[in-house]
C-alpha atoms as a PDB file:
ATOM      1  CA  MET A   1       0.000   0.000   0.000  1.00  0.00           C
ATOM      2  CA  LEU A   2       2.884   2.352   0.765  1.00  0.00           C
ATOM      3  CA  ALA A   3       4.437   1.649  -2.653  1.00  0.00           C
ATOM      4  CA  SER A   4       1.106   2.333  -4.349  1.00  0.00           C
ATOM      5  CA  SER A   5       0.743   5.690  -2.579  1.00  0.00           C
ATOM      6  CA  GLY A   6       4.343   6.602  -3.383  1.00  0.00           C
ATOM      7  CA  THR A   7       3.791   5.804  -7.053  1.00  0.00           C
ATOM      8  CA  LYS A   8       0.646   7.947  -7.144  1.00  0.00           C
ATOM      9  CA  TYR A   9       2.493  10.912  -5.631  1.00  0.00           C
ATOM     10  CA  LEU A  10       5.378  10.469  -8.054  1.00  0.00           C
ATOM     11  CA  VAL A  11       3.026  10.395 -11.048  1.00  0.00           C
ATOM     12  CA  LEU A  12       1.132  13.453  -9.775  1.00  0.00           C
ATOM     13  CA  GLY A  13       4.419  15.293  -9.233  1.00  0.00           C
ATOM     14  CA  LEU A  14       5.485  14.576 -12.813  1.00  0.00           C
ATOM     15  CA  VAL A  15       2.092  15.695 -14.133  1.00  0.00           C
ATOM     16  CA  PHE A  16       2.248  18.961 -12.185  1.00  0.00           C
ATOM     17  CA  ALA A  17       5.822  19.634 -13.287  1.00  0.00           C
ATOM     18  CA  THR A  18       4.870  19.087 -16.926  1.00  0.00           C
ATOM     19  CA  THR A  19       1.716  21.188 -16.563  1.00  0.00           C
ATOM     20  CA  ALA A  20       3.718  24.196 -15.348  1.00  0.00           C
ATOM     21  CA  LEU A  21       6.027  23.936 -18.361  1.00  0.00           C
ATOM     22  CA  PHE A  22       3.035  23.597 -20.691  1.00  0.00           C
ATOM     23  CA  PHE A  23       1.319  26.699 -19.296  1.00  0.00           C
ATOM     24  CA  ALA A  24       4.548  28.697 -19.399  1.00  0.00           C
ATOM     25  CA  THR A  25       4.965  27.824 -23.094  1.00  0.00           C
ATOM     26  CA  PHE A  26       1.301  28.532 -23.815  1.00  0.00           C
ATOM     27  CA  ASN A  27       1.468  31.881 -22.007  1.00  0.00           C
ATOM     28  CA  GLY A  28       4.660  32.798 -23.879  1.00  0.00           C
ATOM     29  CA  MET A  29       2.920  32.118 -27.180  1.00  0.00           C
ATOM     30  CA  PHE A  30       0.106  34.538 -26.313  1.00  0.00           C
ATOM     31  CA  ASN A  31       2.620  37.139 -25.152  1.00  0.00           C
ATOM     32  CA  SER A  32       4.403  36.894 -28.512  1.00  0.00           C
ATOM     33  CA  VAL A  33       1.144  37.403 -30.393  1.00  0.00           C
ATOM     34  CA  ALA A  34       0.205  40.356 -28.164  1.00  0.00           C
ATOM     35  CA  ASN A  35       3.609  41.974 -28.674  1.00  0.00           C
ATOM     36  CA  PHE A  36       3.319  41.528 -32.443  1.00  0.00           C
ATOM     37  CA  ILE A  37      -0.115  43.164 -32.492  1.00  0.00           C
ATOM     38  CA  TYR A  38       1.045  45.992 -30.228  1.00  0.00           C
ATOM     39  CA  ASN A  39       4.214  46.740 -32.201  1.00  0.00           C
ATOM     40  CA  HIS A  40       2.698  46.534 -35.682  1.00  0.00           C
ATOM     41  CA  GLY A  41      -0.846  47.723 -35.083  1.00  0.00           C
ATOM     42  CA  ARG A  42       0.258  50.867 -33.289  1.00  0.00           C
ATOM     43  CA  ARG A  43       2.127  52.217 -36.312  1.00  0.00           C
ATOM     44  CA  ARG A  44      -0.728  51.512 -38.678  1.00  0.00           C
ATOM     45  CA  SER A  45      -3.260  53.115 -36.365  1.00  0.00           C
ATOM     46  CA  PHE A  46      -1.220  56.285 -36.047  1.00  0.00           C
ATOM     47  CA  ALA A  47      -0.612  56.492 -39.812  1.00  0.00           C
ATOM     48  CA  ASN A  48      -4.304  55.855 -40.463  1.00  0.00           C
ATOM     49  CA  TRP A  49      -5.285  58.587 -37.995  1.00  0.00           C
ATOM     50  CA  MET A  50      -2.843  61.027 -39.613  1.00  0.00           C
ATOM     51  CA  ASN A  51      -4.271  60.272 -43.066  1.00  0.00           C
ATOM     52  CA  GLN A  52      -7.807  60.863 -41.814  1.00  0.00           C
ATOM     53  CA  LEU A  53      -6.708  64.094 -40.164  1.00  0.00           C
ATOM     54  CA  ALA A  54      -5.081  65.269 -43.396  1.00  0.00           C
ATOM     55  CA  GLN A  55      -8.222  64.440 -45.398  1.00  0.00           C
ATOM     56  CA  TYR A  56     -10.375  66.319 -42.906  1.00  0.00           C
ATOM     57  CA  TRP A  57      -8.039  69.304 -43.016  1.00  0.00           C
ATOM     58  CA  GLN A  58      -8.075  69.369 -46.825  1.00  0.00           C
ATOM     59  CA  ALA A  59     -11.865  69.130 -46.943  1.00  0.00           C
ATOM     60  CA  ASN A  60     -12.700  71.621 -44.162  1.00  0.00           C
ATOM     61  CA  GLY A  61      -9.652  73.784 -43.703  1.00  0.00           C
ATOM     62  CA  SER A  62      -8.898  75.364 -40.374  1.00  0.00           C
ATOM     63  CA  THR A  63     -12.438  76.542 -39.583  1.00  0.00           C
ATOM     64  CA  SER A  64     -13.651  73.476 -37.766  1.00  0.00           C
ATOM     65  CA  TYR A  65     -16.472  74.255 -35.400  1.00  0.00           C
ATOM     66  CA  GLY A  66     -17.095  71.837 -32.578  1.00  0.00           C
ATOM     67  CA  ILE A  67     -13.476  70.684 -32.348  1.00  0.00           C
ATOM     68  CA  LEU A  68     -11.194  72.454 -29.930  1.00  0.00           C
END
């Protein structure tokens, strides 16, 4: 009975050790995707906003009422 309990604890210890490594890898994958979106999406958003601002300026000039 003692050997059976020891084997169960050993197997559970190996499962928990592997689970931590799995979640660390899985979390790292999501961090890589988030960093890619942050680094590449930020530039496009700013350029897109600047293009929209330039179009608005060309269409309406500097007399824009309602915008401070």
